[in-house]
Amino acid sequence: MPKKRKKRKDIVVPAPHFRSEKEALLKDTTGVEAFDVFKVSEKIGRRLSGLMIAVGALLSLFSLVSILTSIKFTFSNPIFLGALGFLGAINIFCGLMLLAKK
């Protein structure tokens, strides 16, 4: 009589589940940052436009007084130069804010 062989059971270990997609090391936050910049530029833009209107009106008033009277508010006066420089700096900053909105 032939001997019966014991059936050997193989030990089976299930393979770990690997993700097919790897998590990104860096998250894309450009949309959130663009929205934040847009909100900030909108808030600052309103205030800066009012400030530019006020400084421009004062410079126009100084120029009108200078034309009508003999008082010289031209480039020799440091207050006039400071106001003109301030208006130019605000104008450049407003232009940069408009570029940031795009």
PDB file of N, CA and C in Angstrom:
ATOM      1  N   MET A   1       0.799  -1.152   0.000  1.00  0.00           N
ATOM      2  CA  MET A   1       0.000   0.000   0.000  1.00  0.00           C
ATOM      3  C   MET A   1       0.875   1.261   0.000  1.00  0.00           C
ATOM      4  N   PRO A   2       0.484   2.166  -0.896  1.00  0.00           N
ATOM      5  CA  PRO A   2       1.319   3.361  -0.956  1.00  0.00           C
ATOM      6  C   PRO A   2       1.049   4.280   0.218  1.00  0.00           C
ATOM      7  N   LYS A   3       2.064   4.971   0.588  1.00  0.00           N
ATOM      8  CA  LYS A   3       1.940   5.914   1.697  1.00  0.00           C
ATOM      9  C   LYS A   3       1.215   7.172   1.233  1.00  0.00           C
ATOM     10  N   LYS A   4       0.389   7.653   2.124  1.00  0.00           N
ATOM     11  CA  LYS A   4      -0.301   8.898   1.812  1.00  0.00           C
ATOM     12  C   LYS A   4       0.594  10.061   2.214  1.00  0.00           C
ATOM     13  N   ARG A   5       0.684  10.933   1.309  1.00  0.00           N
ATOM     14  CA  ARG A   5       1.474  12.130   1.595  1.00  0.00           C
ATOM     15  C   ARG A   5       0.565  13.204   2.171  1.00  0.00           C
ATOM     16  N   LYS A   6       1.116  13.892   3.097  1.00  0.00           N
ATOM     17  CA  LYS A   6       0.384  15.017   3.655  1.00  0.00           C
ATOM     18  C   LYS A   6       0.472  16.175   2.680  1.00  0.00           C
ATOM     19  N   LYS A   7      -0.645  16.797   2.490  1.00  0.00           N
ATOM     20  CA  LYS A   7      -0.609  17.975   1.630  1.00  0.00           C
ATOM     21  C   LYS A   7      -0.017  19.135   2.416  1.00  0.00           C
ATOM     22  N   ARG A   8       0.910  19.778   1.786  1.00  0.00           N
ATOM     23  CA  ARG A   8       1.542  20.939   2.421  1.00  0.00           C
ATOM     24  C   ARG A   8       0.748  22.196   2.114  1.00  0.00           C
ATOM     25  N   LYS A   9       0.468  22.923   3.127  1.00  0.00           N
ATOM     26  CA  LYS A   9      -0.211  24.204   2.916  1.00  0.00           C
ATOM     27  C   LYS A   9       0.848  25.281   2.830  1.00  0.00           C
ATOM     28  N   ASP A  10       0.738  26.057   1.774  1.00  0.00           N
ATOM     29  CA  ASP A  10       1.649  27.195   1.643  1.00  0.00           C
ATOM     30  C   ASP A  10       1.123  28.348   2.489  1.00  0.00           C
ATOM     31  N   ILE A  11       2.040  29.013   3.100  1.00  0.00           N
ATOM     32  CA  ILE A  11       1.666  30.184   3.890  1.00  0.00           C
ATOM     33  C   ILE A  11       1.538  31.361   2.923  1.00  0.00           C
ATOM     34  N   VAL A  12       0.379  31.935   2.871  1.00  0.00           N
ATOM     35  CA  VAL A  12       0.109  33.044   1.953  1.00  0.00           C
ATOM     36  C   VAL A  12      -0.092  34.312   2.771  1.00  0.00           C
ATOM     37  N   VAL A  13       0.690  35.300   2.448  1.00  0.00           N
ATOM     38  CA  VAL A  13       0.584  36.602   3.102  1.00  0.00           C
ATOM     39  C   VAL A  13       0.124  37.594   2.039  1.00  0.00           C
ATOM     40  N   PRO A  14      -0.978  38.279   2.285  1.00  0.00           N
ATOM     41  CA  PRO A  14      -1.440  39.226   1.269  1.00  0.00           C
ATOM     42  C   PRO A  14      -0.465  40.397   1.137  1.00  0.00           C
ATOM     43  N   ALA A  15      -0.282  40.812  -0.098  1.00  0.00           N
ATOM     44  CA  ALA A  15       0.622  41.939  -0.368  1.00  0.00           C
ATOM     45  C   ALA A  15      -0.002  43.223   0.153  1.00  0.00           C
ATOM     46  N   PRO A  16       0.817  44.127   0.650  1.00  0.00           N
ATOM     47  CA  PRO A  16       0.259  45.402   1.130  1.00  0.00           C
ATOM     48  C   PRO A  16      -0.328  46.195  -0.035  1.00  0.00           C
ATOM     49  N   HIS A  17      -1.334  46.977   0.273  1.00  0.00           N
ATOM     50  CA  HIS A  17      -2.005  47.774  -0.751  1.00  0.00           C
ATOM     51  C   HIS A  17      -1.177  49.039  -1.005  1.00  0.00           C
ATOM     52  N   PHE A  18      -0.673  49.170  -2.195  1.00  0.00           N
ATOM     53  CA  PHE A  18       0.106  50.351  -2.570  1.00  0.00           C
ATOM     54  C   PHE A  18      -0.800  51.315  -3.317  1.00  0.00           C
ATOM     55  N   ARG A  19      -0.642  52.577  -3.004  1.00  0.00           N
ATOM     56  CA  ARG A  19      -1.419  53.591  -3.706  1.00  0.00           C
ATOM     57  C   ARG A  19      -0.807  53.817  -5.074  1.00  0.00           C
ATOM     58  N   SER A  20      -1.667  53.959  -6.036  1.00  0.00           N
ATOM     59  CA  SER A  20      -1.149  54.233  -7.373  1.00  0.00           C
ATOM     60  C   SER A  20      -0.762  55.705  -7.510  1.00  0.00           C
ATOM     61  N   GLU A  21      -1.418  56.569  -6.719  1.00  0.00           N
ATOM     62  CA  GLU A  21      -1.097  57.998  -6.759  1.00  0.00           C
ATOM     63  C   GLU A  21      -0.255  58.347  -5.545  1.00  0.00           C
ATOM     64  N   LYS A  22       0.790  59.061  -5.784  1.00  0.00           N
ATOM     65  CA  LYS A  22       1.609  59.533  -4.672  1.00  0.00           C
ATOM     66  C   LYS A  22       1.121  60.909  -4.266  1.00  0.00           C
ATOM     67  N   GLU A  23       1.175  61.172  -2.996  1.00  0.00           N
ATOM     68  CA  GLU A  23       0.781  62.491  -2.520  1.00  0.00           C
ATOM     69  C   GLU A  23       1.813  63.509  -2.947  1.00  0.00           C
ATOM     70  N   ALA A  24       1.332  64.649  -3.349  1.00  0.00           N
ATOM     71  CA  ALA A  24       2.236  65.703  -3.798  1.00  0.00           C
ATOM     72  C   ALA A  24       3.000  66.275  -2.606  1.00  0.00           C
ATOM     73  N   LEU A  25       4.263  66.513  -2.815  1.00  0.00           N
ATOM     74  CA  LEU A  25       5.071  67.099  -1.747  1.00  0.00           C
ATOM     75  C   LEU A  25       4.681  68.549  -1.507  1.00  0.00           C
ATOM     76  N   LEU A  26       4.384  69.247  -2.586  1.00  0.00           N
ATOM     77  CA  LEU A  26       3.973  70.639  -2.477  1.00  0.00           C
ATOM     78  C   LEU A  26       2.550  70.781  -2.990  1.00  0.00           C
ATOM     79  N   LYS A  27       1.724  71.462  -2.241  1.00  0.00           N
ATOM     80  CA  LYS A  27       0.344  71.659  -2.660  1.00  0.00           C
ATOM     81  C   LYS A  27       0.253  72.916  -3.516  1.00  0.00           C
ATOM     82  N   ASP A  28      -0.633  72.906  -4.481  1.00  0.00           N
ATOM     83  CA  ASP A  28      -0.839  74.054  -5.351  1.00  0.00           C
ATOM     84  C   ASP A  28      -1.770  75.035  -4.649  1.00  0.00           C
ATOM     85  N   THR A  29      -1.225  76.136  -4.177  1.00  0.00           N
ATOM     86  CA  THR A  29      -2.008  77.133  -3.457  1.00  0.00           C
ATOM     87  C   THR A  29      -2.100  78.438  -4.227  1.00  0.00           C
ATOM     88  N   THR A  30      -1.836  78.408  -5.520  1.00  0.00           N
ATOM     89  CA  THR A  30      -1.841  79.652  -6.288  1.00  0.00           C
ATOM     90  C   THR A  30      -3.227  80.274  -6.355  1.00  0.00           C
ATOM     91  N   GLY A  31      -4.265  79.461  -6.422  1.00  0.00           N
ATOM     92  CA  GLY A  31      -5.621  80.007  -6.478  1.00  0.00           C
ATOM     93  C   GLY A  31      -5.998  80.726  -5.195  1.00  0.00           C
ATOM     94  N   VAL A  32      -5.646  80.146  -4.071  1.00  0.00           N
ATOM     95  CA  VAL A  32      -5.953  80.767  -2.774  1.00  0.00           C
ATOM     96  C   VAL A  32      -5.154  82.055  -2.607  1.00  0.00           C
ATOM     97  N   GLU A  33      -3.884  82.025  -2.979  1.00  0.00           N
ATOM     98  CA  GLU A  33      -3.052  83.217  -2.855  1.00  0.00           C
ATOM     99  C   GLU A  33      -3.537  84.322  -3.780  1.00  0.00           C
ATOM    100  N   ALA A  34      -3.944  83.978  -4.983  1.00  0.00           N
ATOM    101  CA  ALA A  34      -4.449  84.987  -5.921  1.00  0.00           C
ATOM    102  C   ALA A  34      -5.719  85.624  -5.385  1.00  0.00           C
ATOM    103  N   PHE A  35      -6.588  84.820  -4.779  1.00  0.00           N
ATOM    104  CA  PHE A  35      -7.817  85.367  -4.200  1.00  0.00           C
ATOM    105  C   PHE A  35      -7.511  86.299  -3.037  1.00  0.00           C
ATOM    106  N   ASP A  36      -6.538  85.926  -2.190  1.00  0.00           N
ATOM    107  CA  ASP A  36      -6.152  86.787  -1.068  1.00  0.00           C
ATOM    108  C   ASP A  36      -5.563  88.108  -1.559  1.00  0.00           C
ATOM    109  N   VAL A  37      -4.708  88.039  -2.579  1.00  0.00           N
ATOM    110  CA  VAL A  37      -4.116  89.262  -3.132  1.00  0.00           C
ATOM    111  C   VAL A  37      -5.196  90.149  -3.729  1.00  0.00           C
ATOM    112  N   PHE A  38      -6.181  89.539  -4.386  1.00  0.00           N
ATOM    113  CA  PHE A  38      -7.266  90.313  -4.978  1.00  0.00           C
ATOM    114  C   PHE A  38      -8.076  91.029  -3.909  1.00  0.00           C
ATOM    115  N   LYS A  39      -8.374  90.345  -2.796  1.00  0.00           N
ATOM    116  CA  LYS A  39      -9.140  90.971  -1.722  1.00  0.00           C
ATOM    117  C   LYS A  39      -8.368  92.119  -1.089  1.00  0.00           C
ATOM    118  N   VAL A  40      -7.079  91.907  -0.840  1.00  0.00           N
ATOM    119  CA  VAL A  40      -6.259  92.948  -0.209  1.00  0.00           C
ATOM    120  C   VAL A  40      -6.115  94.150  -1.143  1.00  0.00           C
ATOM    121  N   SER A  41      -5.882  93.891  -2.428  1.00  0.00           N
ATOM    122  CA  SER A  41      -5.713  95.001  -3.363  1.00  0.00           C
ATOM    123  C   SER A  41      -7.008  95.772  -3.543  1.00  0.00           C
ATOM    124  N   GLU A  42      -8.142  95.097  -3.414  1.00  0.00           N
ATOM    125  CA  GLU A  42      -9.413  95.802  -3.507  1.00  0.00           C
ATOM    126  C   GLU A  42      -9.610  96.742  -2.320  1.00  0.00           C
ATOM    127  N   LYS A  43      -9.253  96.266  -1.119  1.00  0.00           N
ATOM    128  CA  LYS A  43      -9.392  97.111   0.074  1.00  0.00           C
ATOM    129  C   LYS A  43      -8.436  98.304   0.025  1.00  0.00           C
ATOM    130  N   ILE A  44      -7.188  98.037  -0.324  1.00  0.00           N
ATOM    131  CA  ILE A  44      -6.194  99.109  -0.357  1.00  0.00           C
ATOM    132  C   ILE A  44      -6.475 100.065  -1.503  1.00  0.00           C
ATOM    133  N   GLY A  45      -6.969  99.542  -2.623  1.00  0.00           N
ATOM    134  CA  GLY A  45      -7.222 100.371  -3.801  1.00  0.00           C
ATOM    135  C   GLY A  45      -8.231 101.468  -3.540  1.00  0.00           C
ATOM    136  N   ARG A  46      -9.253 101.181  -2.779  1.00  0.00           N
ATOM    137  CA  ARG A  46     -10.262 102.202  -2.469  1.00  0.00           C
ATOM    138  C   ARG A  46      -9.656 103.341  -1.652  1.00  0.00           C
ATOM    139  N   ARG A  47      -8.857 102.990  -0.680  1.00  0.00           N
ATOM    140  CA  ARG A  47      -8.257 104.026   0.170  1.00  0.00           C
ATOM    141  C   ARG A  47      -7.207 104.837  -0.597  1.00  0.00           C
ATOM    142  N   LEU A  48      -6.413 104.143  -1.400  1.00  0.00           N
ATOM    143  CA  LEU A  48      -5.380 104.845  -2.152  1.00  0.00           C
ATOM    144  C   LEU A  48      -5.967 105.757  -3.219  1.00  0.00           C
ATOM    145  N   SER A  49      -7.069 105.366  -3.813  1.00  0.00           N
ATOM    146  CA  SER A  49      -7.669 106.230  -4.824  1.00  0.00           C
ATOM    147  C   SER A  49      -8.192 107.513  -4.178  1.00  0.00           C
ATOM    148  N   GLY A  50      -8.773 107.401  -3.002  1.00  0.00           N
ATOM    149  CA  GLY A  50      -9.203 108.609  -2.280  1.00  0.00           C
ATOM    150  C   GLY A  50      -8.031 109.484  -1.888  1.00  0.00           C
ATOM    151  N   LEU A  51      -6.943 108.865  -1.462  1.00  0.00           N
ATOM    152  CA  LEU A  51      -5.745 109.624  -1.097  1.00  0.00           C
ATOM    153  C   LEU A  51      -5.146 110.319  -2.310  1.00  0.00           C
ATOM    154  N   MET A  52      -5.145 109.633  -3.452  1.00  0.00           N
ATOM    155  CA  MET A  52      -4.614 110.249  -4.675  1.00  0.00           C
ATOM    156  C   MET A  52      -5.477 111.424  -5.123  1.00  0.00           C
ATOM    157  N   ILE A  53      -6.780 111.300  -4.986  1.00  0.00           N
ATOM    158  CA  ILE A  53      -7.668 112.409  -5.350  1.00  0.00           C
ATOM    159  C   ILE A  53      -7.420 113.605  -4.445  1.00  0.00           C
ATOM    160  N   ALA A  54      -7.250 113.370  -3.144  1.00  0.00           N
ATOM    161  CA  ALA A  54      -7.011 114.469  -2.202  1.00  0.00           C
ATOM    162  C   ALA A  54      -5.670 115.158  -2.478  1.00  0.00           C
ATOM    163  N   VAL A  55      -4.616 114.384  -2.672  1.00  0.00           N
ATOM    164  CA  VAL A  55      -3.296 114.983  -2.924  1.00  0.00           C
ATOM    165  C   VAL A  55      -3.294 115.696  -4.273  1.00  0.00           C
ATOM    166  N   GLY A  56      -3.937 115.120  -5.283  1.00  0.00           N
ATOM    167  CA  GLY A  56      -4.024 115.778  -6.589  1.00  0.00           C
ATOM    168  C   GLY A  56      -4.800 117.081  -6.514  1.00  0.00           C
ATOM    169  N   ALA A  57      -5.873 117.097  -5.715  1.00  0.00           N
ATOM    170  CA  ALA A  57      -6.647 118.335  -5.551  1.00  0.00           C
ATOM    171  C   ALA A  57      -5.812 119.402  -4.847  1.00  0.00           C
ATOM    172  N   LEU A  58      -5.053 119.003  -3.834  1.00  0.00           N
ATOM    173  CA  LEU A  58      -4.190 119.981  -3.145  1.00  0.00           C
ATOM    174  C   LEU A  58      -3.109 120.521  -4.072  1.00  0.00           C
ATOM    175  N   LEU A  59      -2.509 119.653  -4.881  1.00  0.00           N
ATOM    176  CA  LEU A  59      -1.495 120.126  -5.822  1.00  0.00           C
ATOM    177  C   LEU A  59      -2.105 121.056  -6.863  1.00  0.00           C
ATOM    178  N   SER A  60      -3.317 120.748  -7.300  1.00  0.00           N
ATOM    179  CA  SER A  60      -3.995 121.640  -8.250  1.00  0.00           C
ATOM    180  C   SER A  60      -4.300 122.983  -7.604  1.00  0.00           C
ATOM    181  N   LEU A  61      -4.719 122.953  -6.341  1.00  0.00           N
ATOM    182  CA  LEU A  61      -4.996 124.197  -5.622  1.00  0.00           C
ATOM    183  C   LEU A  61      -3.729 125.020  -5.449  1.00  0.00           C
ATOM    184  N   PHE A  62      -2.614 124.376  -5.055  1.00  0.00           N
ATOM    185  CA  PHE A  62      -1.343 125.092  -4.938  1.00  0.00           C
ATOM    186  C   PHE A  62      -0.921 125.694  -6.274  1.00  0.00           C
ATOM    187  N   SER A  63      -1.104 124.954  -7.350  1.00  0.00           N
ATOM    188  CA  SER A  63      -0.721 125.466  -8.666  1.00  0.00           C
ATOM    189  C   SER A  63      -1.606 126.636  -9.074  1.00  0.00           C
ATOM    190  N   LEU A  64      -2.904 126.550  -8.796  1.00  0.00           N
ATOM    191  CA  LEU A  64      -3.819 127.636  -9.125  1.00  0.00           C
ATOM    192  C   LEU A  64      -3.488 128.896  -8.336  1.00  0.00           C
ATOM    193  N   VAL A  65      -3.187 128.731  -7.046  1.00  0.00           N
ATOM    194  CA  VAL A  65      -2.791 129.881  -6.223  1.00  0.00           C
ATOM    195  C   VAL A  65      -1.484 130.468  -6.740  1.00  0.00           C
ATOM    196  N   SER A  66      -0.577 129.623  -7.157  1.00  0.00           N
ATOM    197  CA  SER A  66       0.708 130.088  -7.677  1.00  0.00           C
ATOM    198  C   SER A  66       0.532 130.865  -8.973  1.00  0.00           C
ATOM    199  N   ILE A  67      -0.400 130.438  -9.808  1.00  0.00           N
ATOM    200  CA  ILE A  67      -0.635 131.146 -11.076  1.00  0.00           C
ATOM    201  C   ILE A  67      -1.330 132.477 -10.831  1.00  0.00           C
ATOM    202  N   LEU A  68      -2.324 132.505  -9.940  1.00  0.00           N
ATOM    203  CA  LEU A  68      -3.102 133.717  -9.708  1.00  0.00           C
ATOM    204  C   LEU A  68      -2.367 134.761  -8.879  1.00  0.00           C
ATOM    205  N   THR A  69      -1.471 134.347  -8.017  1.00  0.00           N
ATOM    206  CA  THR A  69      -0.719 135.302  -7.189  1.00  0.00           C
ATOM    207  C   THR A  69       0.754 135.210  -7.562  1.00  0.00           C
ATOM    208  N   SER A  70       1.509 136.009  -6.912  1.00  0.00           N
ATOM    209  CA  SER A  70       2.945 136.000  -7.209  1.00  0.00           C
ATOM    210  C   SER A  70       3.717 135.028  -6.313  1.00  0.00           C
ATOM    211  N   ILE A  71       3.010 134.285  -5.475  1.00  0.00           N
ATOM    212  CA  ILE A  71       3.673 133.324  -4.598  1.00  0.00           C
ATOM    213  C   ILE A  71       4.162 132.163  -5.448  1.00  0.00           C
ATOM    214  N   LYS A  72       5.412 131.798  -5.248  1.00  0.00           N
ATOM    215  CA  LYS A  72       6.007 130.730  -6.038  1.00  0.00           C
ATOM    216  C   LYS A  72       5.941 129.412  -5.278  1.00  0.00           C
ATOM    217  N   PHE A  73       5.081 128.502  -5.724  1.00  0.00           N
ATOM    218  CA  PHE A  73       5.019 127.157  -5.177  1.00  0.00           C
ATOM    219  C   PHE A  73       5.692 126.170  -6.117  1.00  0.00           C
ATOM    220  N   THR A  74       6.548 126.666  -6.943  1.00  0.00           N
ATOM    221  CA  THR A  74       7.144 125.791  -7.954  1.00  0.00           C
ATOM    222  C   THR A  74       8.206 124.906  -7.334  1.00  0.00           C
ATOM    223  N   PHE A  75       9.121 124.444  -8.145  1.00  0.00           N
ATOM    224  CA  PHE A  75      10.085 123.434  -7.729  1.00  0.00           C
ATOM    225  C   PHE A  75      11.068 123.914  -6.666  1.00  0.00           C
ATOM    226  N   SER A  76      11.078 125.205  -6.357  1.00  0.00           N
ATOM    227  CA  SER A  76      11.983 125.682  -5.306  1.00  0.00           C
ATOM    228  C   SER A  76      11.408 125.430  -3.909  1.00  0.00           C
ATOM    229  N   ASN A  77      10.115 125.199  -3.807  1.00  0.00           N
ATOM    230  CA  ASN A  77       9.477 124.980  -2.512  1.00  0.00           C
ATOM    231  C   ASN A  77       9.539 123.490  -2.147  1.00  0.00           C
ATOM    232  N   PRO A  78      10.116 123.153  -0.984  1.00  0.00           N
ATOM    233  CA  PRO A  78      10.230 121.735  -0.621  1.00  0.00           C
ATOM    234  C   PRO A  78       8.882 121.065  -0.322  1.00  0.00           C
ATOM    235  N   ILE A  79       7.889 121.830   0.127  1.00  0.00           N
ATOM    236  CA  ILE A  79       6.569 121.242   0.392  1.00  0.00           C
ATOM    237  C   ILE A  79       5.926 120.796  -0.914  1.00  0.00           C
ATOM    238  N   PHE A  80       6.050 121.641  -1.934  1.00  0.00           N
ATOM    239  CA  PHE A  80       5.496 121.305  -3.246  1.00  0.00           C
ATOM    240  C   PHE A  80       6.206 120.094  -3.834  1.00  0.00           C
ATOM    241  N   LEU A  81       7.518 120.053  -3.691  1.00  0.00           N
ATOM    242  CA  LEU A  81       8.285 118.909  -4.192  1.00  0.00           C
ATOM    243  C   LEU A  81       7.931 117.630  -3.439  1.00  0.00           C
ATOM    244  N   GLY A  82       7.755 117.722  -2.128  1.00  0.00           N
ATOM    245  CA  GLY A  82       7.385 116.553  -1.332  1.00  0.00           C
ATOM    246  C   GLY A  82       6.009 116.025  -1.718  1.00  0.00           C
ATOM    247  N   ALA A  83       5.059 116.944  -1.920  1.00  0.00           N
ATOM    248  CA  ALA A  83       3.711 116.517  -2.311  1.00  0.00           C
ATOM    249  C   ALA A  83       3.723 115.892  -3.697  1.00  0.00           C
ATOM    250  N   LEU A  84       4.515 116.441  -4.598  1.00  0.00           N
ATOM    251  CA  LEU A  84       4.621 115.892  -5.951  1.00  0.00           C
ATOM    252  C   LEU A  84       5.264 114.507  -5.930  1.00  0.00           C
ATOM    253  N   GLY A  85       6.316 114.346  -5.127  1.00  0.00           N
ATOM    254  CA  GLY A  85       6.960 113.042  -4.986  1.00  0.00           C
ATOM    255  C   GLY A  85       6.045 112.021  -4.337  1.00  0.00           C
ATOM    256  N   PHE A  86       5.277 112.464  -3.348  1.00  0.00           N
ATOM    257  CA  PHE A  86       4.326 111.573  -2.674  1.00  0.00           C
ATOM    258  C   PHE A  86       3.253 111.093  -3.645  1.00  0.00           C
ATOM    259  N   LEU A  87       2.755 112.014  -4.478  1.00  0.00           N
ATOM    260  CA  LEU A  87       1.754 111.640  -5.471  1.00  0.00           C
ATOM    261  C   LEU A  87       2.337 110.661  -6.490  1.00  0.00           C
ATOM    262  N   GLY A  88       3.583 110.856  -6.879  1.00  0.00           N
ATOM    263  CA  GLY A  88       4.229 109.924  -7.810  1.00  0.00           C
ATOM    264  C   GLY A  88       4.428 108.550  -7.204  1.00  0.00           C
ATOM    265  N   ALA A  89       4.826 108.494  -5.941  1.00  0.00           N
ATOM    266  CA  ALA A  89       5.021 107.203  -5.270  1.00  0.00           C
ATOM    267  C   ALA A  89       3.701 106.458  -5.127  1.00  0.00           C
ATOM    268  N   ILE A  90       2.637 107.179  -4.770  1.00  0.00           N
ATOM    269  CA  ILE A  90       1.325 106.540  -4.651  1.00  0.00           C
ATOM    270  C   ILE A  90       0.854 106.049  -6.015  1.00  0.00           C
ATOM    271  N   ASN A  91       1.127 106.815  -7.052  1.00  0.00           N
ATOM    272  CA  ASN A  91       0.739 106.418  -8.405  1.00  0.00           C
ATOM    273  C   ASN A  91       1.439 105.112  -8.815  1.00  0.00           C
ATOM    274  N   ILE A  92       2.714 105.001  -8.510  1.00  0.00           N
ATOM    275  CA  ILE A  92       3.454 103.769  -8.827  1.00  0.00           C
ATOM    276  C   ILE A  92       2.898 102.600  -8.020  1.00  0.00           C
ATOM    277  N   PHE A  93       2.614 102.810  -6.751  1.00  0.00           N
ATOM    278  CA  PHE A  93       2.080 101.748  -5.912  1.00  0.00           C
ATOM    279  C   PHE A  93       0.698 101.298  -6.398  1.00  0.00           C
ATOM    280  N   CYS A  94      -0.130 102.254  -6.829  1.00  0.00           N
ATOM    281  CA  CYS A  94      -1.449 101.889  -7.364  1.00  0.00           C
ATOM    282  C   CYS A  94      -1.310 101.085  -8.652  1.00  0.00           C
ATOM    283  N   GLY A  95      -0.337 101.429  -9.476  1.00  0.00           N
ATOM    284  CA  GLY A  95      -0.094 100.646 -10.687  1.00  0.00           C
ATOM    285  C   GLY A  95       0.323  99.226 -10.367  1.00  0.00           C
ATOM    286  N   LEU A  96       1.161  99.062  -9.361  1.00  0.00           N
ATOM    287  CA  LEU A  96       1.557  97.714  -8.947  1.00  0.00           C
ATOM    288  C   LEU A  96       0.378  96.930  -8.381  1.00  0.00           C
ATOM    289  N   MET A  97      -0.508  97.600  -7.669  1.00  0.00           N
ATOM    290  CA  MET A  97      -1.693  96.935  -7.138  1.00  0.00           C
ATOM    291  C   MET A  97      -2.617  96.485  -8.275  1.00  0.00           C
ATOM    292  N   LEU A  98      -2.729  97.298  -9.327  1.00  0.00           N
ATOM    293  CA  LEU A  98      -3.537  96.904 -10.472  1.00  0.00           C
ATOM    294  C   LEU A  98      -2.928  95.703 -11.182  1.00  0.00           C
ATOM    295  N   LEU A  99      -1.613  95.661 -11.250  1.00  0.00           N
ATOM    296  CA  LEU A  99      -0.951  94.496 -11.845  1.00  0.00           C
ATOM    297  C   LEU A  99      -1.149  93.244 -10.994  1.00  0.00           C
ATOM    298  N   ALA A 100      -1.199  93.418  -9.676  1.00  0.00           N
ATOM    299  CA  ALA A 100      -1.392  92.271  -8.786  1.00  0.00           C
ATOM    300  C   ALA A 100      -2.801  91.697  -8.933  1.00  0.00           C
ATOM    301  N   LYS A 101      -3.770  92.532  -9.293  1.00  0.00           N
ATOM    302  CA  LYS A 101      -5.138  92.047  -9.475  1.00  0.00           C
ATOM    303  C   LYS A 101      -5.239  91.101 -10.653  1.00  0.00           C
ATOM    304  N   LYS A 102      -4.408  91.321 -11.661  1.00  0.00           N
ATOM    305  CA  LYS A 102      -4.457  90.453 -12.841  1.00  0.00           C
ATOM    306  C   LYS A 102      -3.768  89.163 -12.516  1.00  0.00           C
TER     307      LYS A 102
END
